């Protein structure tokens, strides 16, 4: 006759698992809290490094005065949106929009470059991602990011395995969800920004860069 395990054995094991989960979870949260300011600062510096290329400021303008102005505008739903305006010798060169949303595995953070009129995408940069190595993480590669450059902001961008229209881009092989996630993040962010442009005057009033 087989013996039935005592319920206490299961309970003690369950409490041990819960306790270990709480300990390790607390430790990870503590590390994350401690490192978060450093992570945020690195992202801020990376954003400023990428802005000139995202709006098409050529290396030949090195001797010119390049100003990056941070602004905060409000979209149609009342949400605040931080954006950057790049200027050369006081002339607007383009906008850069920080953007984020869920990918296949985790959150994806982007920088989207637009021309001064916000009619065309001039660049795309992946600031942070944790997609599947060798598949979804290829959204970082220039080969994929360049597929967005030149696309009109007047059309909803779609990621498809066999693009046939001007507003469609080729998805990454084996990473359709990641590709579509990037496209949707771009669509939503640009739409909110253009709505904000329609609602308020975003002409720069200061030539001082945010530092």
N, C-alpha and C. Protein backbone atom coordinates (compact mmCIF):
# COMPACT_ATOMS: atom_id res chain seq x y z
N UNK A 1 0.84 -1.19 0.00
CA UNK A 1 0.00 0.00 0.00
C UNK A 1 0.88 1.25 0.00
N UNK A 2 0.69 2.15 -1.00
CA UNK A 2 1.54 3.33 -1.12
C UNK A 2 1.13 4.38 -0.11
N UNK A 3 2.13 5.13 0.33
CA UNK A 3 1.88 6.17 1.31
C UNK A 3 1.56 7.49 0.61
N UNK A 4 0.58 8.19 1.12
CA UNK A 4 0.21 9.50 0.58
C UNK A 4 1.07 10.57 1.23
N UNK A 5 1.78 11.42 0.44
CA UNK A 5 2.62 12.47 1.02
C UNK A 5 1.80 13.40 1.90
N UNK A 6 2.40 13.76 3.02
CA UNK A 6 1.71 14.65 3.95
C UNK A 6 1.60 16.06 3.35
N UNK A 7 0.45 16.70 3.54
CA UNK A 7 0.26 18.06 3.02
C UNK A 7 1.30 19.04 3.53
N UNK A 8 1.81 18.77 4.76
CA UNK A 8 2.79 19.69 5.33
C UNK A 8 4.04 19.78 4.46
N UNK A 9 4.41 18.62 3.83
CA UNK A 9 5.60 18.61 2.99
C UNK A 9 5.45 19.57 1.83
N UNK A 10 4.29 19.54 1.21
CA UNK A 10 4.02 20.45 0.08
C UNK A 10 4.01 21.90 0.54
N UNK A 11 3.39 22.15 1.69
CA UNK A 11 3.30 23.52 2.19
C UNK A 11 4.66 24.10 2.50
N UNK A 12 5.53 23.29 3.13
CA UNK A 12 6.86 23.79 3.48
C UNK A 12 7.67 24.09 2.23
N UNK A 13 7.54 23.23 1.20
CA UNK A 13 8.25 23.48 -0.04
C UNK A 13 7.72 24.73 -0.74
N UNK A 14 6.39 24.90 -0.71
CA UNK A 14 5.80 26.07 -1.34
C UNK A 14 6.27 27.35 -0.67
N UNK A 15 6.32 27.36 0.67
CA UNK A 15 6.77 28.56 1.38
C UNK A 15 8.24 28.85 1.08
N UNK A 16 9.03 27.81 0.91
CA UNK A 16 10.45 28.01 0.59
C UNK A 16 10.61 28.67 -0.78
N UNK A 17 9.82 28.19 -1.75
CA UNK A 17 9.87 28.77 -3.10
C UNK A 17 9.43 30.24 -3.06
N UNK A 18 8.35 30.50 -2.32
CA UNK A 18 7.85 31.88 -2.21
C UNK A 18 8.88 32.78 -1.56
N UNK A 19 9.51 32.28 -0.48
CA UNK A 19 10.52 33.07 0.23
C UNK A 19 11.70 33.39 -0.67
N UNK A 20 12.18 32.38 -1.41
CA UNK A 20 13.31 32.60 -2.32
C UNK A 20 12.95 33.60 -3.41
N UNK A 21 11.71 33.48 -3.92
CA UNK A 21 11.26 34.41 -4.96
C UNK A 21 11.23 35.84 -4.44
N UNK A 22 10.75 36.02 -3.22
CA UNK A 22 10.71 37.35 -2.62
C UNK A 22 12.09 37.93 -2.41
N UNK A 23 13.01 37.07 -1.94
CA UNK A 23 14.38 37.52 -1.67
C UNK A 23 15.07 37.95 -2.96
N UNK A 24 15.04 37.06 -3.97
CA UNK A 24 15.70 37.37 -5.24
C UNK A 24 15.01 38.53 -5.97
N UNK A 25 13.67 38.56 -5.89
CA UNK A 25 12.94 39.65 -6.52
C UNK A 25 13.29 40.99 -5.89
N UNK A 26 13.39 40.99 -4.55
CA UNK A 26 13.76 42.22 -3.86
C UNK A 26 15.17 42.66 -4.20
N UNK A 27 16.08 41.69 -4.32
CA UNK A 27 17.46 42.01 -4.66
C UNK A 27 17.56 42.61 -6.06
N UNK A 28 16.84 42.01 -7.01
CA UNK A 28 16.86 42.53 -8.38
C UNK A 28 16.25 43.92 -8.45
N UNK A 29 15.16 44.13 -7.70
CA UNK A 29 14.53 45.45 -7.68
C UNK A 29 15.47 46.49 -7.11
N UNK A 30 16.23 46.11 -6.08
CA UNK A 30 17.18 47.02 -5.48
C UNK A 30 18.29 47.41 -6.44
N UNK A 31 18.80 46.40 -7.18
CA UNK A 31 19.84 46.68 -8.17
C UNK A 31 19.32 47.59 -9.27
N UNK A 32 18.08 47.30 -9.74
CA UNK A 32 17.48 48.11 -10.79
C UNK A 32 17.30 49.56 -10.35
N UNK A 33 16.83 49.73 -9.10
CA UNK A 33 16.63 51.08 -8.57
C UNK A 33 17.94 51.85 -8.49
N UNK A 34 18.99 51.15 -8.09
CA UNK A 34 20.30 51.79 -7.95
C UNK A 34 20.89 52.17 -9.30
N UNK A 35 20.68 51.31 -10.31
CA UNK A 35 21.27 51.54 -11.62
C UNK A 35 20.43 52.42 -12.53
N UNK A 36 19.14 52.60 -12.21
CA UNK A 36 18.24 53.31 -13.11
C UNK A 36 18.70 54.73 -13.46
N UNK A 37 19.17 55.52 -12.48
CA UNK A 37 19.65 56.87 -12.85
C UNK A 37 20.79 56.83 -13.87
N UNK A 38 21.69 55.86 -13.73
CA UNK A 38 22.80 55.72 -14.68
C UNK A 38 22.28 55.30 -16.05
N UNK A 39 21.30 54.39 -16.08
CA UNK A 39 20.72 53.94 -17.34
C UNK A 39 20.02 55.10 -18.04
N UNK A 40 19.26 55.89 -17.28
CA UNK A 40 18.55 57.03 -17.86
C UNK A 40 19.52 58.06 -18.42
N UNK A 41 20.61 58.30 -17.71
CA UNK A 41 21.59 59.28 -18.19
C UNK A 41 22.27 58.80 -19.46
N UNK A 42 22.58 57.50 -19.52
CA UNK A 42 23.19 56.95 -20.73
C UNK A 42 22.25 57.09 -21.93
N UNK A 43 20.96 56.87 -21.71
CA UNK A 43 19.98 57.02 -22.79
C UNK A 43 19.88 58.48 -23.23
N UNK A 44 19.95 59.39 -22.27
CA UNK A 44 19.89 60.81 -22.62
C UNK A 44 21.08 61.21 -23.48
N UNK A 45 22.27 60.77 -23.09
CA UNK A 45 23.47 61.09 -23.85
C UNK A 45 23.43 60.45 -25.24
N UNK A 46 22.95 59.20 -25.30
CA UNK A 46 22.83 58.52 -26.59
C UNK A 46 21.85 59.24 -27.51
N UNK A 47 20.77 59.76 -26.92
CA UNK A 47 19.79 60.50 -27.70
C UNK A 47 20.45 61.72 -28.35
N UNK A 48 21.20 62.48 -27.59
CA UNK A 48 21.85 63.67 -28.14
C UNK A 48 22.90 63.31 -29.18
N UNK A 49 23.55 62.17 -29.00
CA UNK A 49 24.56 61.74 -30.00
C UNK A 49 23.90 61.39 -31.33
N UNK A 50 22.70 60.83 -31.28
CA UNK A 50 22.05 60.34 -32.49
C UNK A 50 21.23 61.39 -33.23
N UNK A 51 20.84 62.46 -32.56
CA UNK A 51 19.95 63.45 -33.17
C UNK A 51 20.47 64.00 -34.50
N UNK A 52 21.74 64.46 -34.60
CA UNK A 52 22.19 65.01 -35.89
C UNK A 52 22.00 64.06 -37.07
N UNK A 53 22.38 62.80 -36.89
CA UNK A 53 22.24 61.83 -37.98
C UNK A 53 20.78 61.54 -38.29
N UNK A 54 19.93 61.54 -37.28
CA UNK A 54 18.52 61.21 -37.48
C UNK A 54 17.78 62.27 -38.30
N UNK A 55 18.26 63.50 -38.25
CA UNK A 55 17.60 64.56 -39.04
C UNK A 55 18.42 64.94 -40.27
N UNK A 56 19.50 64.19 -40.52
CA UNK A 56 20.27 64.38 -41.74
C UNK A 56 21.24 65.54 -41.73
N UNK A 57 21.73 65.90 -40.53
CA UNK A 57 22.75 66.94 -40.47
C UNK A 57 24.08 66.33 -40.88
N UNK A 58 24.65 66.82 -41.98
CA UNK A 58 25.87 66.25 -42.54
C UNK A 58 27.09 66.64 -41.72
N UNK A 59 28.14 65.82 -41.87
CA UNK A 59 29.39 66.11 -41.16
C UNK A 59 29.99 67.43 -41.61
N UNK A 60 29.66 67.88 -42.81
CA UNK A 60 30.21 69.12 -43.34
C UNK A 60 29.72 70.34 -42.56
N UNK A 61 28.73 70.16 -41.69
CA UNK A 61 28.22 71.28 -40.91
C UNK A 61 28.91 71.38 -39.55
N UNK A 62 30.02 70.67 -39.38
CA UNK A 62 30.71 70.67 -38.09
C UNK A 62 31.09 72.07 -37.62
N UNK A 63 31.42 72.96 -38.55
CA UNK A 63 31.82 74.32 -38.18
C UNK A 63 30.63 75.23 -37.92
N UNK A 64 29.45 74.78 -38.27
CA UNK A 64 28.25 75.58 -38.05
C UNK A 64 27.76 75.39 -36.61
N UNK A 65 26.91 76.27 -36.18
CA UNK A 65 26.37 76.18 -34.83
C UNK A 65 25.17 75.24 -34.81
N UNK A 66 25.35 74.09 -34.19
CA UNK A 66 24.28 73.09 -34.10
C UNK A 66 23.65 73.18 -32.72
N UNK A 67 22.35 73.40 -32.70
CA UNK A 67 21.62 73.52 -31.44
C UNK A 67 20.55 72.44 -31.38
N UNK A 68 20.46 71.79 -30.24
CA UNK A 68 19.41 70.79 -30.01
C UNK A 68 18.52 71.32 -28.91
N UNK A 69 17.30 71.60 -29.26
CA UNK A 69 16.36 72.21 -28.32
C UNK A 69 15.31 71.20 -27.90
N UNK A 70 15.17 71.01 -26.59
CA UNK A 70 14.14 70.10 -26.08
C UNK A 70 12.86 70.88 -25.84
N UNK A 71 11.75 70.31 -26.29
CA UNK A 71 10.45 70.94 -26.10
C UNK A 71 9.46 69.90 -25.56
N UNK A 72 8.40 70.36 -24.96
CA UNK A 72 7.34 69.47 -24.49
C UNK A 72 6.02 69.98 -25.06
N UNK A 73 5.35 69.14 -25.79
CA UNK A 73 4.08 69.53 -26.39
C UNK A 73 2.99 68.58 -25.91
N UNK A 74 1.76 68.97 -26.15
CA UNK A 74 0.61 68.21 -25.66
C UNK A 74 -0.20 67.71 -26.84
N UNK A 75 -0.49 66.38 -26.85
CA UNK A 75 -1.23 65.82 -27.97
C UNK A 75 -2.73 66.02 -27.80
N UNK A 76 -3.51 65.46 -28.72
CA UNK A 76 -4.96 65.67 -28.71
C UNK A 76 -5.64 65.08 -27.48
N UNK A 77 -4.99 64.10 -26.83
CA UNK A 77 -5.57 63.48 -25.64
C UNK A 77 -5.06 64.11 -24.35
N UNK A 78 -4.30 65.20 -24.49
CA UNK A 78 -3.80 65.88 -23.30
C UNK A 78 -2.53 65.28 -22.73
N UNK A 79 -1.93 64.31 -23.43
CA UNK A 79 -0.70 63.69 -22.95
C UNK A 79 0.51 64.53 -23.36
N UNK A 80 1.44 64.70 -22.42
CA UNK A 80 2.65 65.45 -22.69
C UNK A 80 3.62 64.57 -23.49
N UNK A 81 4.28 65.18 -24.45
CA UNK A 81 5.23 64.46 -25.28
C UNK A 81 6.53 65.27 -25.40
N UNK A 82 7.64 64.64 -25.02
CA UNK A 82 8.94 65.30 -25.12
C UNK A 82 9.49 65.09 -26.53
N UNK A 83 9.93 66.18 -27.14
CA UNK A 83 10.49 66.10 -28.49
C UNK A 83 11.74 66.97 -28.55
N UNK A 84 12.53 66.78 -29.61
CA UNK A 84 13.74 67.57 -29.80
C UNK A 84 13.70 68.21 -31.19
N UNK A 85 14.16 69.45 -31.25
CA UNK A 85 14.27 70.16 -32.51
C UNK A 85 15.74 70.48 -32.75
N UNK A 86 16.28 70.06 -33.90
CA UNK A 86 17.67 70.33 -34.25
C UNK A 86 17.73 71.53 -35.19
N UNK A 87 18.63 72.45 -34.88
CA UNK A 87 18.80 73.65 -35.69
C UNK A 87 20.27 73.82 -36.06
N UNK A 88 20.51 74.34 -37.25
CA UNK A 88 21.86 74.70 -37.70
C UNK A 88 21.84 76.17 -38.06
N UNK A 89 22.65 76.95 -37.37
CA UNK A 89 22.66 78.40 -37.57
C UNK A 89 21.26 78.99 -37.46
N UNK A 90 20.47 78.45 -36.52
CA UNK A 90 19.14 78.97 -36.26
C UNK A 90 18.05 78.45 -37.16
N UNK A 91 18.40 77.64 -38.16
CA UNK A 91 17.40 77.11 -39.10
C UNK A 91 17.01 75.68 -38.71
N UNK A 92 15.72 75.39 -38.54
CA UNK A 92 15.28 74.04 -38.18
C UNK A 92 15.70 73.00 -39.22
N UNK A 93 16.26 71.90 -38.73
CA UNK A 93 16.69 70.81 -39.61
C UNK A 93 15.79 69.58 -39.49
N UNK A 94 15.10 69.48 -38.38
CA UNK A 94 14.20 68.35 -38.20
C UNK A 94 13.90 68.07 -36.74
N UNK A 95 12.92 67.20 -36.54
CA UNK A 95 12.47 66.80 -35.21
C UNK A 95 12.96 65.39 -34.89
N UNK A 96 13.16 65.12 -33.60
CA UNK A 96 13.42 63.76 -33.14
C UNK A 96 12.44 63.46 -32.01
N UNK A 97 11.71 62.36 -32.16
CA UNK A 97 10.69 61.98 -31.20
C UNK A 97 11.09 60.72 -30.44
N UNK A 98 11.24 60.78 -29.12
CA UNK A 98 11.41 59.55 -28.34
C UNK A 98 10.10 58.77 -28.37
N UNK A 99 10.20 57.45 -28.50
CA UNK A 99 8.98 56.63 -28.60
C UNK A 99 9.21 55.29 -27.93
N UNK A 100 8.14 54.65 -27.51
CA UNK A 100 8.27 53.35 -26.86
C UNK A 100 6.97 52.57 -26.88
N UNK A 101 7.10 51.25 -26.80
CA UNK A 101 5.94 50.37 -26.78
C UNK A 101 6.39 48.93 -26.66
N UNK A 102 5.45 48.03 -26.52
CA UNK A 102 5.78 46.62 -26.34
C UNK A 102 6.16 45.95 -27.65
N UNK A 103 7.21 45.13 -27.58
CA UNK A 103 7.61 44.31 -28.70
C UNK A 103 7.17 42.88 -28.46
N UNK A 104 7.91 41.91 -29.02
CA UNK A 104 7.57 40.51 -28.82
C UNK A 104 7.95 40.05 -27.42
N UNK A 105 9.14 40.46 -26.95
CA UNK A 105 9.65 39.99 -25.66
C UNK A 105 9.52 41.02 -24.55
N UNK A 106 9.71 42.27 -24.87
CA UNK A 106 9.72 43.32 -23.85
C UNK A 106 9.52 44.67 -24.52
N UNK A 107 9.73 45.71 -23.77
CA UNK A 107 9.54 47.06 -24.27
C UNK A 107 10.63 47.45 -25.27
N UNK A 108 10.23 48.17 -26.32
CA UNK A 108 11.14 48.69 -27.32
C UNK A 108 11.12 50.22 -27.23
N UNK A 109 12.32 50.82 -27.20
CA UNK A 109 12.41 52.28 -27.16
C UNK A 109 13.11 52.77 -28.43
N UNK A 110 12.51 53.77 -29.06
CA UNK A 110 13.00 54.27 -30.35
C UNK A 110 13.24 55.76 -30.31
N UNK A 111 14.02 56.23 -31.30
CA UNK A 111 14.13 57.64 -31.62
C UNK A 111 13.74 57.77 -33.09
N UNK A 112 12.77 58.64 -33.37
CA UNK A 112 12.26 58.79 -34.73
C UNK A 112 12.63 60.18 -35.25
N UNK A 113 13.30 60.24 -36.39
CA UNK A 113 13.66 61.51 -37.00
C UNK A 113 12.64 61.92 -38.04
N UNK A 114 12.27 63.20 -38.04
CA UNK A 114 11.31 63.75 -39.02
C UNK A 114 11.88 65.04 -39.61
N UNK A 115 11.45 65.35 -40.82
CA UNK A 115 11.85 66.62 -41.43
C UNK A 115 11.14 67.76 -40.70
N UNK A 116 11.55 69.04 -40.92
CA UNK A 116 10.96 70.16 -40.17
C UNK A 116 9.44 70.26 -40.27
N UNK A 117 8.87 69.84 -41.40
CA UNK A 117 7.42 69.90 -41.57
C UNK A 117 6.73 68.65 -41.04
N UNK A 118 7.51 67.68 -40.54
CA UNK A 118 6.97 66.42 -40.01
C UNK A 118 6.18 65.65 -41.06
N UNK A 119 6.63 65.73 -42.30
CA UNK A 119 5.95 65.03 -43.38
C UNK A 119 6.66 63.74 -43.81
N UNK A 120 7.95 63.63 -43.47
CA UNK A 120 8.74 62.49 -43.92
C UNK A 120 9.63 61.98 -42.79
N UNK A 121 9.76 60.66 -42.69
CA UNK A 121 10.66 60.06 -41.71
C UNK A 121 12.09 60.14 -42.26
N UNK A 122 12.98 60.73 -41.47
CA UNK A 122 14.36 60.91 -41.92
C UNK A 122 15.34 59.97 -41.24
N UNK A 123 14.91 59.29 -40.19
CA UNK A 123 15.81 58.36 -39.51
C UNK A 123 15.11 57.59 -38.41
N UNK A 124 15.70 56.48 -38.02
CA UNK A 124 15.15 55.66 -36.94
C UNK A 124 16.31 55.03 -36.17
N UNK A 125 16.23 55.11 -34.85
CA UNK A 125 17.27 54.53 -34.00
C UNK A 125 16.61 53.73 -32.88
N UNK A 126 17.17 52.55 -32.58
CA UNK A 126 16.65 51.72 -31.49
C UNK A 126 17.47 52.03 -30.25
N UNK A 127 16.85 52.69 -29.30
CA UNK A 127 17.53 53.10 -28.08
C UNK A 127 17.65 51.96 -27.09
N UNK A 128 16.65 51.09 -27.05
CA UNK A 128 16.68 49.96 -26.12
C UNK A 128 15.71 48.89 -26.61
N UNK A 129 16.09 47.63 -26.45
CA UNK A 129 15.24 46.51 -26.83
C UNK A 129 15.76 45.23 -26.20
N UNK A 130 14.88 44.27 -26.01
CA UNK A 130 15.25 42.97 -25.45
C UNK A 130 14.59 41.86 -26.26
N UNK A 131 14.56 42.05 -27.58
CA UNK A 131 13.92 41.06 -28.45
C UNK A 131 14.81 39.83 -28.61
N UNK A 132 14.28 38.78 -29.23
CA UNK A 132 14.97 37.50 -29.36
C UNK A 132 16.30 37.65 -30.10
N UNK A 133 17.41 37.22 -29.49
CA UNK A 133 18.73 37.33 -30.15
C UNK A 133 18.75 36.61 -31.50
N UNK A 134 19.30 37.28 -32.50
CA UNK A 134 19.41 36.69 -33.83
C UNK A 134 18.16 36.77 -34.66
N UNK A 135 17.06 37.23 -34.05
CA UNK A 135 15.80 37.35 -34.79
C UNK A 135 15.24 38.76 -34.57
N UNK A 136 14.47 38.94 -33.50
CA UNK A 136 13.86 40.23 -33.23
C UNK A 136 14.85 41.34 -32.95
N UNK A 137 16.01 40.98 -32.38
CA UNK A 137 16.96 42.05 -32.06
C UNK A 137 17.62 42.65 -33.30
N UNK A 138 17.32 42.09 -34.47
CA UNK A 138 17.84 42.65 -35.72
C UNK A 138 17.14 43.96 -36.08
N UNK A 139 16.15 44.35 -35.30
CA UNK A 139 15.53 45.66 -35.50
C UNK A 139 16.57 46.77 -35.28
N UNK A 140 17.67 46.45 -34.59
CA UNK A 140 18.72 47.44 -34.35
C UNK A 140 19.54 47.72 -35.60
N UNK A 141 19.58 46.75 -36.53
CA UNK A 141 20.46 46.86 -37.69
C UNK A 141 20.01 47.96 -38.64
N UNK A 142 20.99 48.60 -39.25
CA UNK A 142 20.68 49.68 -40.20
C UNK A 142 19.86 49.17 -41.38
N UNK A 143 20.09 47.92 -41.78
CA UNK A 143 19.34 47.35 -42.91
C UNK A 143 17.84 47.40 -42.65
N UNK A 144 17.43 47.14 -41.42
CA UNK A 144 16.01 47.19 -41.09
C UNK A 144 15.57 48.63 -40.85
N UNK A 145 16.32 49.39 -40.08
CA UNK A 145 15.92 50.75 -39.74
C UNK A 145 15.79 51.64 -40.99
N UNK A 146 16.64 51.38 -41.98
CA UNK A 146 16.62 52.21 -43.19
C UNK A 146 15.34 52.03 -44.00
N UNK A 147 14.60 50.95 -43.73
CA UNK A 147 13.36 50.70 -44.45
C UNK A 147 12.29 51.75 -44.13
N UNK A 148 12.46 52.45 -43.02
CA UNK A 148 11.50 53.48 -42.62
C UNK A 148 11.85 54.84 -43.22
N UNK A 149 13.11 55.03 -43.56
CA UNK A 149 13.57 56.34 -44.03
C UNK A 149 12.92 56.69 -45.36
N UNK A 150 12.40 57.90 -45.44
CA UNK A 150 11.74 58.35 -46.66
C UNK A 150 10.26 58.07 -46.70
N UNK A 151 9.74 57.33 -45.73
CA UNK A 151 8.31 57.05 -45.70
C UNK A 151 7.52 58.29 -45.31
N UNK A 152 6.39 58.47 -45.94
CA UNK A 152 5.53 59.61 -45.65
C UNK A 152 4.80 59.40 -44.32
N UNK A 153 4.72 60.46 -43.52
CA UNK A 153 3.97 60.37 -42.27
C UNK A 153 2.47 60.51 -42.51
N UNK A 154 2.09 60.75 -43.76
CA UNK A 154 0.68 60.87 -44.08
C UNK A 154 0.01 59.53 -44.30
N UNK A 155 0.80 58.45 -44.30
CA UNK A 155 0.26 57.11 -44.49
C UNK A 155 0.62 56.21 -43.31
N UNK A 156 -0.27 55.32 -42.97
CA UNK A 156 -0.04 54.35 -41.91
C UNK A 156 0.98 53.31 -42.41
N UNK A 157 2.12 53.19 -41.73
CA UNK A 157 3.15 52.25 -42.16
C UNK A 157 2.79 50.84 -41.71
N UNK A 158 2.92 49.88 -42.60
CA UNK A 158 2.64 48.49 -42.29
C UNK A 158 3.86 47.63 -42.59
N UNK A 159 4.13 46.67 -41.71
CA UNK A 159 5.24 45.74 -41.91
C UNK A 159 4.68 44.43 -42.44
N UNK A 160 5.13 44.02 -43.64
CA UNK A 160 4.59 42.82 -44.28
C UNK A 160 5.71 41.97 -44.88
N UNK A 161 5.50 40.65 -44.96
CA UNK A 161 6.51 39.75 -45.54
C UNK A 161 6.77 40.05 -47.02
N UNK A 162 5.75 40.56 -47.72
CA UNK A 162 5.90 40.88 -49.14
C UNK A 162 5.30 42.27 -49.40
N UNK A 163 6.05 43.31 -49.06
CA UNK A 163 5.52 44.67 -49.26
C UNK A 163 5.29 44.99 -50.74
N UNK A 164 4.15 45.62 -51.00
CA UNK A 164 3.80 45.95 -52.38
C UNK A 164 3.44 47.42 -52.55
N UNK A 165 3.16 48.10 -51.46
CA UNK A 165 2.76 49.50 -51.54
C UNK A 165 3.81 50.38 -50.90
N UNK A 166 3.74 51.68 -51.18
CA UNK A 166 4.75 52.62 -50.71
C UNK A 166 4.79 52.77 -49.20
N UNK A 167 3.67 52.46 -48.54
CA UNK A 167 3.63 52.61 -47.09
C UNK A 167 3.96 51.31 -46.37
N UNK A 168 4.43 50.30 -47.10
CA UNK A 168 4.75 49.00 -46.50
C UNK A 168 6.25 48.77 -46.46
N UNK A 169 6.71 48.14 -45.36
CA UNK A 169 8.12 47.77 -45.24
C UNK A 169 8.24 46.26 -45.09
N UNK A 170 9.39 45.73 -45.44
CA UNK A 170 9.65 44.30 -45.35
C UNK A 170 9.92 43.90 -43.91
N UNK A 171 9.21 42.88 -43.42
CA UNK A 171 9.43 42.39 -42.06
C UNK A 171 10.74 41.61 -41.99
N UNK A 172 11.27 41.48 -40.79
CA UNK A 172 12.45 40.64 -40.57
C UNK A 172 12.04 39.18 -40.60
N UNK A 173 12.85 38.34 -41.22
CA UNK A 173 12.55 36.91 -41.28
C UNK A 173 12.54 36.31 -39.88
N UNK A 174 11.45 35.67 -39.51
CA UNK A 174 11.33 35.05 -38.20
C UNK A 174 11.04 36.02 -37.08
N UNK A 175 10.80 37.28 -37.41
CA UNK A 175 10.54 38.29 -36.38
C UNK A 175 9.43 39.24 -36.84
N UNK A 176 8.33 38.66 -37.30
CA UNK A 176 7.22 39.47 -37.80
C UNK A 176 6.64 40.37 -36.71
N UNK A 177 6.48 39.82 -35.50
CA UNK A 177 5.87 40.60 -34.42
C UNK A 177 6.76 41.77 -34.04
N UNK A 178 8.06 41.55 -33.94
CA UNK A 178 8.98 42.65 -33.61
C UNK A 178 8.93 43.73 -34.67
N UNK A 179 8.91 43.32 -35.93
CA UNK A 179 8.85 44.28 -37.04
C UNK A 179 7.58 45.10 -36.98
N UNK A 180 6.46 44.43 -36.78
CA UNK A 180 5.18 45.13 -36.73
C UNK A 180 5.08 46.03 -35.50
N UNK A 181 5.70 45.60 -34.41
CA UNK A 181 5.69 46.42 -33.20
C UNK A 181 6.40 47.74 -33.43
N UNK A 182 7.56 47.68 -34.10
CA UNK A 182 8.30 48.91 -34.40
C UNK A 182 7.45 49.83 -35.28
N UNK A 183 6.83 49.26 -36.31
CA UNK A 183 6.00 50.06 -37.21
C UNK A 183 4.85 50.72 -36.46
N UNK A 184 4.23 49.98 -35.54
CA UNK A 184 3.09 50.53 -34.82
C UNK A 184 3.53 51.61 -33.83
N UNK A 185 4.69 51.43 -33.20
CA UNK A 185 5.21 52.45 -32.31
C UNK A 185 5.45 53.74 -33.09
N UNK A 186 6.04 53.60 -34.27
CA UNK A 186 6.30 54.77 -35.13
C UNK A 186 4.98 55.44 -35.51
N UNK A 187 4.01 54.65 -35.95
CA UNK A 187 2.72 55.21 -36.36
C UNK A 187 2.05 56.00 -35.23
N UNK A 188 1.97 55.40 -34.06
CA UNK A 188 1.27 56.04 -32.96
C UNK A 188 1.97 57.31 -32.49
N UNK A 189 3.31 57.25 -32.41
CA UNK A 189 4.07 58.40 -31.93
C UNK A 189 3.98 59.57 -32.91
N UNK A 190 4.14 59.28 -34.19
CA UNK A 190 4.08 60.34 -35.20
C UNK A 190 2.68 60.94 -35.27
N UNK A 191 1.66 60.11 -35.16
CA UNK A 191 0.29 60.61 -35.21
C UNK A 191 0.01 61.56 -34.05
N UNK A 192 0.47 61.18 -32.84
CA UNK A 192 0.27 62.06 -31.69
C UNK A 192 1.02 63.37 -31.87
N UNK A 193 2.24 63.28 -32.40
CA UNK A 193 3.05 64.49 -32.59
C UNK A 193 2.42 65.42 -33.62
N UNK A 194 1.95 64.89 -34.72
CA UNK A 194 1.34 65.73 -35.75
C UNK A 194 0.05 66.36 -35.23
N UNK A 195 -0.65 65.64 -34.38
CA UNK A 195 -1.84 66.21 -33.75
C UNK A 195 -1.47 67.39 -32.87
N UNK A 196 -0.35 67.25 -32.15
CA UNK A 196 0.12 68.33 -31.29
C UNK A 196 0.55 69.54 -32.12
N UNK A 197 1.18 69.29 -33.26
CA UNK A 197 1.60 70.39 -34.14
C UNK A 197 0.39 71.18 -34.63
N UNK A 198 -0.69 70.47 -34.87
CA UNK A 198 -1.90 71.15 -35.34
C UNK A 198 -2.54 71.99 -34.25
N UNK A 199 -2.32 71.58 -33.00
CA UNK A 199 -2.99 72.25 -31.89
C UNK A 199 -2.24 73.47 -31.37
N UNK A 200 -0.92 73.48 -31.50
CA UNK A 200 -0.18 74.59 -30.91
C UNK A 200 1.00 75.02 -31.77
N UNK A 201 1.46 76.20 -31.54
CA UNK A 201 2.60 76.74 -32.27
C UNK A 201 3.86 76.20 -31.65
N UNK A 202 4.66 75.43 -32.42
CA UNK A 202 5.88 74.83 -31.88
C UNK A 202 7.12 75.56 -32.39
N UNK A 203 6.97 76.77 -32.92
CA UNK A 203 8.11 77.53 -33.37
C UNK A 203 9.04 77.84 -32.19
N UNK A 204 10.34 77.52 -32.30
CA UNK A 204 11.27 77.73 -31.17
C UNK A 204 11.29 79.19 -30.72
N UNK A 205 11.32 79.37 -29.43
CA UNK A 205 11.41 80.72 -28.87
C UNK A 205 12.76 80.95 -28.23
N UNK A 206 13.57 79.90 -28.14
CA UNK A 206 14.88 80.02 -27.50
C UNK A 206 15.90 79.27 -28.30
N UNK A 207 17.11 79.78 -28.32
CA UNK A 207 18.19 79.10 -29.03
C UNK A 207 19.10 78.35 -28.09
N UNK A 208 18.66 78.17 -26.85
CA UNK A 208 19.51 77.50 -25.87
C UNK A 208 19.23 76.02 -25.85
N UNK A 209 20.29 75.17 -25.99
CA UNK A 209 20.10 73.73 -25.96
C UNK A 209 19.83 73.24 -24.55
N UNK A 210 19.11 72.13 -24.43
CA UNK A 210 18.88 71.49 -23.13
C UNK A 210 20.12 70.71 -22.75
N UNK A 211 20.61 70.92 -21.58
CA UNK A 211 21.80 70.22 -21.10
C UNK A 211 21.56 69.66 -19.70
